[in-house]
């Protein structure tokens, strides 16, 4: 999964979470579950970005 797709998914999950929190309150189990889902996506995003930063420049150029 590339960064753009992960960023789009983060934005979508963030919107859903905000809407659910407004409707049900932040202590509702559905809101907590959605928050955990967003946390997992953010973790994936940060891990992916970290791996890309650590790759040598010649490897990045080969992928283009």
PDB file of N, CA and C in Angstrom:
ATOM      1  N   UNK A   1       0.844  -1.171   0.000  1.00  0.00           N
ATOM      2  CA  UNK A   1       0.000   0.000   0.000  1.00  0.00           C
ATOM      3  C   UNK A   1       0.895   1.242   0.000  1.00  0.00           C
ATOM      4  N   UNK A   2       0.607   2.202  -0.866  1.00  0.00           N
ATOM      5  CA  UNK A   2       1.449   3.392  -0.927  1.00  0.00           C
ATOM      6  C   UNK A   2       0.943   4.460   0.054  1.00  0.00           C
ATOM      7  N   UNK A   3       1.768   5.474   0.253  1.00  0.00           N
ATOM      8  CA  UNK A   3       1.454   6.510   1.229  1.00  0.00           C
ATOM      9  C   UNK A   3       0.153   7.240   0.918  1.00  0.00           C
ATOM     10  N   UNK A   4      -0.104   7.515  -0.337  1.00  0.00           N
ATOM     11  CA  UNK A   4      -1.320   8.255  -0.696  1.00  0.00           C
ATOM     12  C   UNK A   4      -2.576   7.474  -0.292  1.00  0.00           C
ATOM     13  N   UNK A   5      -2.574   6.180  -0.532  1.00  0.00           N
ATOM     14  CA  UNK A   5      -3.733   5.361  -0.162  1.00  0.00           C
ATOM     15  C   UNK A   5      -3.897   5.304   1.353  1.00  0.00           C
ATOM     16  N   UNK A   6      -2.798   5.201   2.058  1.00  0.00           N
ATOM     17  CA  UNK A   6      -2.864   5.177   3.520  1.00  0.00           C
ATOM     18  C   UNK A   6      -3.384   6.519   4.034  1.00  0.00           C
ATOM     19  N   UNK A   7      -2.919   7.621   3.451  1.00  0.00           N
ATOM     20  CA  UNK A   7      -3.383   8.944   3.863  1.00  0.00           C
ATOM     21  C   UNK A   7      -4.882   9.108   3.600  1.00  0.00           C
ATOM     22  N   UNK A   8      -5.361   8.592   2.490  1.00  0.00           N
ATOM     23  CA  UNK A   8      -6.791   8.652   2.189  1.00  0.00           C
ATOM     24  C   UNK A   8      -7.590   7.834   3.197  1.00  0.00           C
ATOM     25  N   UNK A   9      -7.078   6.678   3.545  1.00  0.00           N
ATOM     26  CA  UNK A   9      -7.766   5.831   4.512  1.00  0.00           C
ATOM     27  C   UNK A   9      -7.774   6.494   5.889  1.00  0.00           C
ATOM     28  N   UNK A  10      -6.677   7.132   6.258  1.00  0.00           N
ATOM     29  CA  UNK A  10      -6.614   7.849   7.532  1.00  0.00           C
ATOM     30  C   UNK A  10      -7.685   8.938   7.567  1.00  0.00           C
ATOM     31  N   UNK A  11      -7.784   9.706   6.492  1.00  0.00           N
ATOM     32  CA  UNK A  11      -8.765  10.790   6.440  1.00  0.00           C
ATOM     33  C   UNK A  11     -10.187  10.241   6.528  1.00  0.00           C
ATOM     34  N   UNK A  12     -10.467   9.171   5.831  1.00  0.00           N
ATOM     35  CA  UNK A  12     -11.800   8.567   5.872  1.00  0.00           C
ATOM     36  C   UNK A  12     -12.124   8.075   7.283  1.00  0.00           C
ATOM     37  N   UNK A  13     -11.203   7.371   7.903  1.00  0.00           N
ATOM     38  CA  UNK A  13     -11.429   6.844   9.252  1.00  0.00           C
ATOM     39  C   UNK A  13     -11.577   7.984  10.258  1.00  0.00           C
ATOM     40  N   UNK A  14     -10.829   9.062  10.079  1.00  0.00           N
ATOM     41  CA  UNK A  14     -10.912  10.213  10.974  1.00  0.00           C
ATOM     42  C   UNK A  14     -12.298  10.852  10.901  1.00  0.00           C
ATOM     43  N   UNK A  15     -12.812  10.982   9.687  1.00  0.00           N
ATOM     44  CA  UNK A  15     -14.165  11.550   9.518  1.00  0.00           C
ATOM     45  C   UNK A  15     -15.217  10.670  10.193  1.00  0.00           C
ATOM     46  N   UNK A  16     -15.115   9.374   9.977  1.00  0.00           N
ATOM     47  CA  UNK A  16     -16.065   8.443  10.592  1.00  0.00           C
ATOM     48  C   UNK A  16     -15.987   8.543  12.117  1.00  0.00           C
ATOM     49  N   UNK A  17     -14.780   8.575  12.637  1.00  0.00           N
ATOM     50  CA  UNK A  17     -14.586   8.662  14.086  1.00  0.00           C
ATOM     51  C   UNK A  17     -15.195   9.945  14.641  1.00  0.00           C
ATOM     52  N   UNK A  18     -14.937  11.061  13.996  1.00  0.00           N
ATOM     53  CA  UNK A  18     -15.493  12.338  14.467  1.00  0.00           C
ATOM     54  C   UNK A  18     -17.015  12.318  14.454  1.00  0.00           C
ATOM     55  N   UNK A  19     -17.590  11.765  13.398  1.00  0.00           N
ATOM     56  CA  UNK A  19     -19.054  11.688  13.302  1.00  0.00           C
ATOM     57  C   UNK A  19     -19.616  10.790  14.403  1.00  0.00           C
ATOM     58  N   UNK A  20     -18.996   9.643  14.599  1.00  0.00           N
ATOM     59  CA  UNK A  20     -19.468   8.720  15.627  1.00  0.00           C
ATOM     60  C   UNK A  20     -19.349   9.333  17.025  1.00  0.00           C
ATOM     61  N   UNK A  21     -18.246  10.029  17.283  1.00  0.00           N
ATOM     62  CA  UNK A  21     -18.061  10.661  18.592  1.00  0.00           C
ATOM     63  C   UNK A  21     -19.127  11.724  18.830  1.00  0.00           C
ATOM     64  N   UNK A  22     -19.469  12.481  17.786  1.00  0.00           N
ATOM     65  CA  UNK A  22     -20.503  13.509  17.913  1.00  0.00           C
ATOM     66  C   UNK A  22     -21.872  12.888  18.179  1.00  0.00           C
ATOM     67  N   UNK A  23     -22.143  11.753  17.555  1.00  0.00           N
ATOM     68  CA  UNK A  23     -23.448  11.108  17.700  1.00  0.00           C
ATOM     69  C   UNK A  23     -23.594  10.305  18.991  1.00  0.00           C
ATOM     70  N   UNK A  24     -22.519   9.609  19.390  1.00  0.00           N
ATOM     71  CA  UNK A  24     -22.630   8.635  20.473  1.00  0.00           C
ATOM     72  C   UNK A  24     -21.840   8.991  21.727  1.00  0.00           C
ATOM     73  N   UNK A  25     -20.953   9.970  21.637  1.00  0.00           N
ATOM     74  CA  UNK A  25     -20.093  10.294  22.776  1.00  0.00           C
ATOM     75  C   UNK A  25     -18.797   9.513  22.718  1.00  0.00           C
ATOM     76  N   UNK A  26     -17.782  10.057  23.337  1.00  0.00           N
ATOM     77  CA  UNK A  26     -16.441   9.462  23.198  1.00  0.00           C
ATOM     78  C   UNK A  26     -16.252   8.181  24.011  1.00  0.00           C
ATOM     79  N   UNK A  27     -17.143   7.884  24.907  1.00  0.00           N
ATOM     80  CA  UNK A  27     -16.997   6.676  25.728  1.00  0.00           C
ATOM     81  C   UNK A  27     -17.763   5.473  25.176  1.00  0.00           C
ATOM     82  N   UNK A  28     -18.475   5.655  24.110  1.00  0.00           N
ATOM     83  CA  UNK A  28     -19.232   4.567  23.494  1.00  0.00           C
ATOM     84  C   UNK A  28     -18.264   3.540  22.902  1.00  0.00           C
ATOM     85  N   UNK A  29     -18.562   2.268  23.061  1.00  0.00           N
ATOM     86  CA  UNK A  29     -17.654   1.212  22.597  1.00  0.00           C
ATOM     87  C   UNK A  29     -17.419   1.285  21.087  1.00  0.00           C
ATOM     88  N   UNK A  30     -18.417   1.725  20.320  1.00  0.00           N
ATOM     89  CA  UNK A  30     -18.247   1.840  18.862  1.00  0.00           C
ATOM     90  C   UNK A  30     -17.223   2.907  18.519  1.00  0.00           C
ATOM     91  N   UNK A  31     -17.240   3.992  19.274  1.00  0.00           N
ATOM     92  CA  UNK A  31     -16.278   5.077  19.051  1.00  0.00           C
ATOM     93  C   UNK A  31     -14.873   4.611  19.441  1.00  0.00           C
ATOM     94  N   UNK A  32     -14.785   3.895  20.525  1.00  0.00           N
ATOM     95  CA  UNK A  32     -13.486   3.368  20.968  1.00  0.00           C
ATOM     96  C   UNK A  32     -12.941   2.377  19.942  1.00  0.00           C
ATOM     97  N   UNK A  33     -13.789   1.502  19.423  1.00  0.00           N
ATOM     98  CA  UNK A  33     -13.360   0.552  18.385  1.00  0.00           C
ATOM     99  C   UNK A  33     -12.876   1.285  17.140  1.00  0.00           C
ATOM    100  N   UNK A  34     -13.599   2.319  16.736  1.00  0.00           N
ATOM    101  CA  UNK A  34     -13.204   3.089  15.556  1.00  0.00           C
ATOM    102  C   UNK A  34     -11.878   3.808  15.802  1.00  0.00           C
ATOM    103  N   UNK A  35     -11.691   4.308  17.009  1.00  0.00           N
ATOM    104  CA  UNK A  35     -10.438   4.974  17.371  1.00  0.00           C
ATOM    105  C   UNK A  35      -9.263   4.000  17.304  1.00  0.00           C
ATOM    106  N   UNK A  36      -9.495   2.779  17.753  1.00  0.00           N
ATOM    107  CA  UNK A  36      -8.446   1.759  17.686  1.00  0.00           C
ATOM    108  C   UNK A  36      -8.116   1.413  16.231  1.00  0.00           C
ATOM    109  N   UNK A  37      -9.129   1.379  15.387  1.00  0.00           N
ATOM    110  CA  UNK A  37      -8.907   1.121  13.962  1.00  0.00           C
ATOM    111  C   UNK A  37      -8.040   2.233  13.365  1.00  0.00           C
ATOM    112  N   UNK A  38      -8.355   3.469  13.692  1.00  0.00           N
ATOM    113  CA  UNK A  38      -7.558   4.593  13.200  1.00  0.00           C
ATOM    114  C   UNK A  38      -6.124   4.509  13.724  1.00  0.00           C
ATOM    115  N   UNK A  39      -5.951   4.118  14.970  1.00  0.00           N
ATOM    116  CA  UNK A  39      -4.611   3.945  15.529  1.00  0.00           C
ATOM    117  C   UNK A  39      -3.810   2.907  14.744  1.00  0.00           C
ATOM    118  N   UNK A  40      -4.451   1.808  14.380  1.00  0.00           N
ATOM    119  CA  UNK A  40      -3.749   0.762  13.605  1.00  0.00           C
ATOM    120  C   UNK A  40      -3.321   1.292  12.236  1.00  0.00           C
ATOM    121  N   UNK A  41      -4.189   2.053  11.604  1.00  0.00           N
ATOM    122  CA  UNK A  41      -3.850   2.617  10.292  1.00  0.00           C
ATOM    123  C   UNK A  41      -2.704   3.611  10.431  1.00  0.00           C
ATOM    124  N   UNK A  42      -2.755   4.452  11.457  1.00  0.00           N
ATOM    125  CA  UNK A  42      -1.678   5.419  11.685  1.00  0.00           C
ATOM    126  C   UNK A  42      -0.355   4.709  11.965  1.00  0.00           C
ATOM    127  N   UNK A  43      -0.408   3.635  12.721  1.00  0.00           N
ATOM    128  CA  UNK A  43       0.810   2.852  12.979  1.00  0.00           C
ATOM    129  C   UNK A  43       1.395   2.313  11.674  1.00  0.00           C
ATOM    130  N   UNK A  44       0.541   1.786  10.800  1.00  0.00           N
ATOM    131  CA  UNK A  44       1.000   1.277   9.503  1.00  0.00           C
ATOM    132  C   UNK A  44       1.638   2.394   8.684  1.00  0.00           C
ATOM    133  N   UNK A  45       0.999   3.542   8.690  1.00  0.00           N
ATOM    134  CA  UNK A  45       1.491   4.706   7.951  1.00  0.00           C
ATOM    135  C   UNK A  45       2.880   5.116   8.447  1.00  0.00           C
ATOM    136  N   UNK A  46       3.030   5.212   9.765  1.00  0.00           N
ATOM    137  CA  UNK A  46       4.314   5.637  10.323  1.00  0.00           C
ATOM    138  C   UNK A  46       5.407   4.595  10.072  1.00  0.00           C
ATOM    139  N   UNK A  47       5.060   3.317  10.167  1.00  0.00           N
ATOM    140  CA  UNK A  47       6.037   2.264   9.882  1.00  0.00           C
ATOM    141  C   UNK A  47       6.481   2.314   8.428  1.00  0.00           C
ATOM    142  N   UNK A  48       5.538   2.515   7.527  1.00  0.00           N
ATOM    143  CA  UNK A  48       5.843   2.587   6.097  1.00  0.00           C
ATOM    144  C   UNK A  48       6.752   3.777   5.814  1.00  0.00           C
ATOM    145  N   UNK A  49       6.410   4.935   6.375  1.00  0.00           N
ATOM    146  CA  UNK A  49       7.233   6.127   6.171  1.00  0.00           C
ATOM    147  C   UNK A  49       8.644   5.916   6.722  1.00  0.00           C
ATOM    148  N   UNK A  50       8.733   5.281   7.874  1.00  0.00           N
ATOM    149  CA  UNK A  50      10.033   5.035   8.495  1.00  0.00           C
ATOM    150  C   UNK A  50      10.881   4.096   7.634  1.00  0.00           C
ATOM    151  N   UNK A  51      10.248   3.043   7.100  1.00  0.00           N
ATOM    152  CA  UNK A  51      10.985   2.114   6.229  1.00  0.00           C
ATOM    153  C   UNK A  51      11.478   2.822   4.975  1.00  0.00           C
ATOM    154  N   UNK A  52      10.621   3.647   4.383  1.00  0.00           N
ATOM    155  CA  UNK A  52      11.016   4.356   3.163  1.00  0.00           C
ATOM    156  C   UNK A  52      12.185   5.297   3.419  1.00  0.00           C
ATOM    157  N   UNK A  53      12.184   5.941   4.572  1.00  0.00           N
ATOM    158  CA  UNK A  53      13.274   6.861   4.913  1.00  0.00           C
ATOM    159  C   UNK A  53      14.594   6.128   5.110  1.00  0.00           C
ATOM    160  N   UNK A  54      14.518   4.889   5.583  1.00  0.00           N
ATOM    161  CA  UNK A  54      15.734   4.138   5.881  1.00  0.00           C
ATOM    162  C   UNK A  54      16.321   3.450   4.654  1.00  0.00           C
ATOM    163  N   UNK A  55      15.528   3.355   3.565  1.00  0.00           N
ATOM    164  CA  UNK A  55      16.040   2.708   2.364  1.00  0.00           C
ATOM    165  C   UNK A  55      17.120   3.581   1.736  1.00  0.00           C
ATOM    166  N   UNK A  56      18.188   2.948   1.248  1.00  0.00           N
ATOM    167  CA  UNK A  56      19.213   3.724   0.554  1.00  0.00           C
ATOM    168  C   UNK A  56      18.654   4.402  -0.687  1.00  0.00           C
ATOM    169  N   UNK A  57      19.250   5.514  -1.048  1.00  0.00           N
ATOM    170  CA  UNK A  57      18.767   6.304  -2.195  1.00  0.00           C
ATOM    171  C   UNK A  57      18.759   5.497  -3.480  1.00  0.00           C
ATOM    172  N   UNK A  58      19.764   4.639  -3.701  1.00  0.00           N
ATOM    173  CA  UNK A  58      19.802   3.870  -4.950  1.00  0.00           C
ATOM    174  C   UNK A  58      18.629   2.882  -5.032  1.00  0.00           C
ATOM    175  N   UNK A  59      18.173   2.377  -3.880  1.00  0.00           N
ATOM    176  CA  UNK A  59      17.005   1.480  -3.902  1.00  0.00           C
ATOM    177  C   UNK A  59      15.745   2.235  -4.250  1.00  0.00           C
ATOM    178  N   UNK A  60      15.616   3.453  -3.757  1.00  0.00           N
ATOM    179  CA  UNK A  60      14.443   4.258  -4.070  1.00  0.00           C
ATOM    180  C   UNK A  60      14.401   4.589  -5.549  1.00  0.00           C
ATOM    181  N   UNK A  61      15.547   4.870  -6.147  1.00  0.00           N
ATOM    182  CA  UNK A  61      15.600   5.208  -7.557  1.00  0.00           C
ATOM    183  C   UNK A  61      15.281   4.005  -8.450  1.00  0.00           C
ATOM    184  N   UNK A  62      15.597   2.816  -8.006  1.00  0.00           N
ATOM    185  CA  UNK A  62      15.295   1.613  -8.767  1.00  0.00           C
ATOM    186  C   UNK A  62      13.795   1.384  -8.870  1.00  0.00           C
ATOM    187  N   UNK A  63      13.049   1.781  -7.843  1.00  0.00           N
ATOM    188  CA  UNK A  63      11.603   1.568  -7.809  1.00  0.00           C
ATOM    189  C   UNK A  63      10.847   2.550  -8.679  1.00  0.00           C
ATOM    190  N   UNK A  64      11.461   3.611  -9.124  1.00  0.00           N
ATOM    191  CA  UNK A  64      10.766   4.624  -9.931  1.00  0.00           C
ATOM    192  C   UNK A  64      10.602   4.193 -11.370  1.00  0.00           C
TER     193      UNK A  64
END
